Amino acid sequence: MEFLVAVWICCGVCCAIIAEKKYRDQTLWFFLGILFGIFALITIALLPSA
């Protein structure tokens, strides 16, 4: 269980970092990364820069 929590937090941090580089809201993408995990990470990676 702790492993899954760590993965979700890592997904949130990675989403926030990618969102920053694409000029998108970091806080929003951090929480989306925690909530949706790898799906949010794939989504932010595929989105164009704002």
PDB file of N, CA and C in Angstrom:
ATOM      1  N   MET A   1       0.820  -1.197   0.000  1.00  0.00           N
ATOM      2  CA  MET A   1       0.000   0.000   0.000  1.00  0.00           C
ATOM      3  C   MET A   1       0.860   1.256   0.000  1.00  0.00           C
ATOM      4  N   GLU A   2       1.949   1.233   0.784  1.00  0.00           N
ATOM      5  CA  GLU A   2       2.828   2.399   0.832  1.00  0.00           C
ATOM      6  C   GLU A   2       3.469   2.656  -0.525  1.00  0.00           C
ATOM      7  N   PHE A   3       3.723   1.579  -1.255  1.00  0.00           N
ATOM      8  CA  PHE A   3       4.309   1.716  -2.585  1.00  0.00           C
ATOM      9  C   PHE A   3       3.378   2.489  -3.510  1.00  0.00           C
ATOM     10  N   LEU A   4       2.084   2.179  -3.465  1.00  0.00           N
ATOM     11  CA  LEU A   4       1.121   2.880  -4.318  1.00  0.00           C
ATOM     12  C   LEU A   4       1.022   4.358  -3.965  1.00  0.00           C
ATOM     13  N   VAL A   5       1.057   4.667  -2.692  1.00  0.00           N
ATOM     14  CA  VAL A   5       1.024   6.069  -2.266  1.00  0.00           C
ATOM     15  C   VAL A   5       2.258   6.793  -2.788  1.00  0.00           C
ATOM     16  N   ALA A   6       3.408   6.150  -2.709  1.00  0.00           N
ATOM     17  CA  ALA A   6       4.643   6.752  -3.215  1.00  0.00           C
ATOM     18  C   ALA A   6       4.569   6.973  -4.724  1.00  0.00           C
ATOM     19  N   VAL A   7       3.993   6.022  -5.448  1.00  0.00           N
ATOM     20  CA  VAL A   7       3.847   6.163  -6.899  1.00  0.00           C
ATOM     21  C   VAL A   7       2.906   7.316  -7.222  1.00  0.00           C
ATOM     22  N   TRP A   8       1.791   7.438  -6.503  1.00  0.00           N
ATOM     23  CA  TRP A   8       0.853   8.537  -6.749  1.00  0.00           C
ATOM     24  C   TRP A   8       1.501   9.892  -6.486  1.00  0.00           C
ATOM     25  N   ILE A   9       2.264   9.984  -5.411  1.00  0.00           N
ATOM     26  CA  ILE A   9       2.938  11.247  -5.101  1.00  0.00           C
ATOM     27  C   ILE A   9       3.989  11.560  -6.168  1.00  0.00           C
ATOM     28  N   CYS A  10       4.718  10.558  -6.610  1.00  0.00           N
ATOM     29  CA  CYS A  10       5.701  10.768  -7.681  1.00  0.00           C
ATOM     30  C   CYS A  10       5.026  11.213  -8.975  1.00  0.00           C
ATOM     31  N   CYS A  11       3.888  10.636  -9.287  1.00  0.00           N
ATOM     32  CA  CYS A  11       3.140  11.059 -10.472  1.00  0.00           C
ATOM     33  C   CYS A  11       2.706  12.516 -10.335  1.00  0.00           C
ATOM     34  N   GLY A  12       2.269  12.901  -9.155  1.00  0.00           N
ATOM     35  CA  GLY A  12       1.875  14.283  -8.919  1.00  0.00           C
ATOM     36  C   GLY A  12       3.028  15.246  -9.094  1.00  0.00           C
ATOM     37  N   VAL A  13       4.178  14.895  -8.553  1.00  0.00           N
ATOM     38  CA  VAL A  13       5.365  15.752  -8.682  1.00  0.00           C
ATOM     39  C   VAL A  13       5.814  15.829 -10.137  1.00  0.00           C
ATOM     40  N   CYS A  14       5.835  14.709 -10.824  1.00  0.00           N
ATOM     41  CA  CYS A  14       6.227  14.704 -12.238  1.00  0.00           C
ATOM     42  C   CYS A  14       5.258  15.523 -13.082  1.00  0.00           C
ATOM     43  N   CYS A  15       3.975  15.410 -12.811  1.00  0.00           N
ATOM     44  CA  CYS A  15       2.981  16.210 -13.531  1.00  0.00           C
ATOM     45  C   CYS A  15       3.210  17.698 -13.295  1.00  0.00           C
ATOM     46  N   ALA A  16       3.504  18.077 -12.061  1.00  0.00           N
ATOM     47  CA  ALA A  16       3.747  19.486 -11.743  1.00  0.00           C
ATOM     48  C   ALA A  16       4.989  20.003 -12.462  1.00  0.00           C
ATOM     49  N   ILE A  17       6.031  19.202 -12.530  1.00  0.00           N
ATOM     50  CA  ILE A  17       7.260  19.615 -13.220  1.00  0.00           C
ATOM     51  C   ILE A  17       7.013  19.793 -14.712  1.00  0.00           C
ATOM     52  N   ILE A  18       6.314  18.845 -15.317  1.00  0.00           N
ATOM     53  CA  ILE A  18       6.011  18.948 -16.746  1.00  0.00           C
ATOM     54  C   ILE A  18       5.087  20.132 -17.005  1.00  0.00           C
ATOM     55  N   ALA A  19       4.106  20.346 -16.128  1.00  0.00           N
ATOM     56  CA  ALA A  19       3.187  21.473 -16.282  1.00  0.00           C
ATOM     57  C   ALA A  19       3.937  22.796 -16.216  1.00  0.00           C
ATOM     58  N   GLU A  20       4.920  22.896 -15.343  1.00  0.00           N
ATOM     59  CA  GLU A  20       5.720  24.123 -15.248  1.00  0.00           C
ATOM     60  C   GLU A  20       6.454  24.392 -16.559  1.00  0.00           C
ATOM     61  N   LYS A  21       7.008  23.367 -17.153  1.00  0.00           N
ATOM     62  CA  LYS A  21       7.743  23.525 -18.407  1.00  0.00           C
ATOM     63  C   LYS A  21       6.819  23.869 -19.570  1.00  0.00           C
ATOM     64  N   LYS A  22       5.538  23.511 -19.451  1.00  0.00           N
ATOM     65  CA  LYS A  22       4.572  23.796 -20.509  1.00  0.00           C
ATOM     66  C   LYS A  22       3.703  25.008 -20.188  1.00  0.00           C
ATOM     67  N   TYR A  23       4.091  25.771 -19.164  1.00  0.00           N
ATOM     68  CA  TYR A  23       3.387  26.993 -18.754  1.00  0.00           C
ATOM     69  C   TYR A  23       1.926  26.721 -18.398  1.00  0.00           C
ATOM     70  N   ARG A  24       1.696  25.666 -17.671  1.00  0.00           N
ATOM     71  CA  ARG A  24       0.358  25.326 -17.183  1.00  0.00           C
ATOM     72  C   ARG A  24       0.361  25.362 -15.667  1.00  0.00           C
ATOM     73  N   ASP A  25      -0.839  25.308 -15.070  1.00  0.00           N
ATOM     74  CA  ASP A  25      -0.985  25.427 -13.620  1.00  0.00           C
ATOM     75  C   ASP A  25      -0.373  24.218 -12.912  1.00  0.00           C
ATOM     76  N   GLN A  26       0.672  24.466 -12.135  1.00  0.00           N
ATOM     77  CA  GLN A  26       1.387  23.380 -11.464  1.00  0.00           C
ATOM     78  C   GLN A  26       0.565  22.738 -10.360  1.00  0.00           C
ATOM     79  N   THR A  27      -0.128  23.556  -9.589  1.00  0.00           N
ATOM     80  CA  THR A  27      -0.907  23.019  -8.471  1.00  0.00           C
ATOM     81  C   THR A  27      -2.024  22.111  -8.970  1.00  0.00           C
ATOM     82  N   LEU A  28      -2.719  22.554  -9.993  1.00  0.00           N
ATOM     83  CA  LEU A  28      -3.793  21.746 -10.570  1.00  0.00           C
ATOM     84  C   LEU A  28      -3.255  20.402 -11.045  1.00  0.00           C
ATOM     85  N   TRP A  29      -2.157  20.432 -11.777  1.00  0.00           N
ATOM     86  CA  TRP A  29      -1.614  19.195 -12.321  1.00  0.00           C
ATOM     87  C   TRP A  29      -0.983  18.316 -11.261  1.00  0.00           C
ATOM     88  N   PHE A  30      -0.506  18.902 -10.172  1.00  0.00           N
ATOM     89  CA  PHE A  30      -0.017  18.095  -9.054  1.00  0.00           C
ATOM     90  C   PHE A  30      -1.154  17.254  -8.480  1.00  0.00           C
ATOM     91  N   PHE A  31      -2.293  17.908  -8.226  1.00  0.00           N
ATOM     92  CA  PHE A  31      -3.424  17.175  -7.653  1.00  0.00           C
ATOM     93  C   PHE A  31      -4.049  16.213  -8.659  1.00  0.00           C
ATOM     94  N   LEU A  32      -4.073  16.582  -9.933  1.00  0.00           N
ATOM     95  CA  LEU A  32      -4.557  15.647 -10.945  1.00  0.00           C
ATOM     96  C   LEU A  32      -3.642  14.428 -11.030  1.00  0.00           C
ATOM     97  N   GLY A  33      -2.344  14.656 -10.883  1.00  0.00           N
ATOM     98  CA  GLY A  33      -1.392  13.548 -10.889  1.00  0.00           C
ATOM     99  C   GLY A  33      -1.590  12.614  -9.717  1.00  0.00           C
ATOM    100  N   ILE A  34      -1.885  13.179  -8.554  1.00  0.00           N
ATOM    101  CA  ILE A  34      -2.151  12.341  -7.384  1.00  0.00           C
ATOM    102  C   ILE A  34      -3.463  11.588  -7.557  1.00  0.00           C
ATOM    103  N   LEU A  35      -4.462  12.256  -8.096  1.00  0.00           N
ATOM    104  CA  LEU A  35      -5.780  11.648  -8.232  1.00  0.00           C
ATOM    105  C   LEU A  35      -5.819  10.579  -9.328  1.00  0.00           C
ATOM    106  N   PHE A  36      -5.239  10.885 -10.490  1.00  0.00           N
ATOM    107  CA  PHE A  36      -5.356   9.984 -11.639  1.00  0.00           C
ATOM    108  C   PHE A  36      -4.073   9.225 -11.976  1.00  0.00           C
ATOM    109  N   GLY A  37      -2.984   9.553 -11.295  1.00  0.00           N
ATOM    110  CA  GLY A  37      -1.740   8.813 -11.470  1.00  0.00           C
ATOM    111  C   GLY A  37      -1.171   8.891 -12.872  1.00  0.00           C
ATOM    112  N   ILE A  38      -0.856   7.734 -13.410  1.00  0.00           N
ATOM    113  CA  ILE A  38      -0.171   7.649 -14.700  1.00  0.00           C
ATOM    114  C   ILE A  38      -1.002   8.237 -15.837  1.00  0.00           C
ATOM    115  N   PHE A  39      -2.329   8.209 -15.711  1.00  0.00           N
ATOM    116  CA  PHE A  39      -3.176   8.765 -16.762  1.00  0.00           C
ATOM    117  C   PHE A  39      -3.001  10.277 -16.871  1.00  0.00           C
ATOM    118  N   ALA A  40      -2.885  10.962 -15.747  1.00  0.00           N
ATOM    119  CA  ALA A  40      -2.629  12.405 -15.762  1.00  0.00           C
ATOM    120  C   ALA A  40      -1.239  12.692 -16.302  1.00  0.00           C
ATOM    121  N   LEU A  41      -0.291  11.851 -15.979  1.00  0.00           N
ATOM    122  CA  LEU A  41       1.075  12.031 -16.463  1.00  0.00           C
ATOM    123  C   LEU A  41       1.133  11.910 -17.985  1.00  0.00           C
ATOM    124  N   ILE A  42       0.448  10.943 -18.524  1.00  0.00           N
ATOM    125  CA  ILE A  42       0.392  10.778 -19.980  1.00  0.00           C
ATOM    126  C   ILE A  42      -0.310  11.969 -20.617  1.00  0.00           C
ATOM    127  N   THR A  43      -1.398  12.427 -19.999  1.00  0.00           N
ATOM    128  CA  THR A  43      -2.161  13.544 -20.545  1.00  0.00           C
ATOM    129  C   THR A  43      -1.337  14.818 -20.597  1.00  0.00           C
ATOM    130  N   ILE A  44      -0.674  15.182 -19.510  1.00  0.00           N
ATOM    131  CA  ILE A  44       0.115  16.416 -19.496  1.00  0.00           C
ATOM    132  C   ILE A  44       1.309  16.299 -20.436  1.00  0.00           C
ATOM    133  N   ALA A  45       1.844  15.107 -20.598  1.00  0.00           N
ATOM    134  CA  ALA A  45       2.971  14.923 -21.513  1.00  0.00           C
ATOM    135  C   ALA A  45       2.548  15.133 -22.962  1.00  0.00           C
ATOM    136  N   LEU A  46       1.301  14.799 -23.277  1.00  0.00           N
ATOM    137  CA  LEU A  46       0.825  14.922 -24.654  1.00  0.00           C
ATOM    138  C   LEU A  46       0.226  16.289 -24.976  1.00  0.00           C
ATOM    139  N   LEU A  47      -0.096  17.078 -23.956  1.00  0.00           N
ATOM    140  CA  LEU A  47      -0.676  18.397 -24.200  1.00  0.00           C
ATOM    141  C   LEU A  47       0.369  19.356 -24.759  1.00  0.00           C
ATOM    142  N   PRO A  48      -0.056  20.247 -25.673  1.00  0.00           N
ATOM    143  CA  PRO A  48       0.888  21.264 -26.162  1.00  0.00           C
ATOM    144  C   PRO A  48       1.101  22.344 -25.106  1.00  0.00           C
ATOM    145  N   SER A  49       2.138  23.133 -25.283  1.00  0.00           N
ATOM    146  CA  SER A  49       2.395  24.242 -24.362  1.00  0.00           C
ATOM    147  C   SER A  49       1.277  25.261 -24.452  1.00  0.00           C
ATOM    148  N   ALA A  50       1.004  25.910 -23.315  1.00  0.00           N
ATOM    149  CA  ALA A  50      -0.075  26.905 -23.270  1.00  0.00           C
ATOM    150  C   ALA A  50       0.375  28.194 -23.920  1.00  0.00           C
TER     151      ALA A  50
END
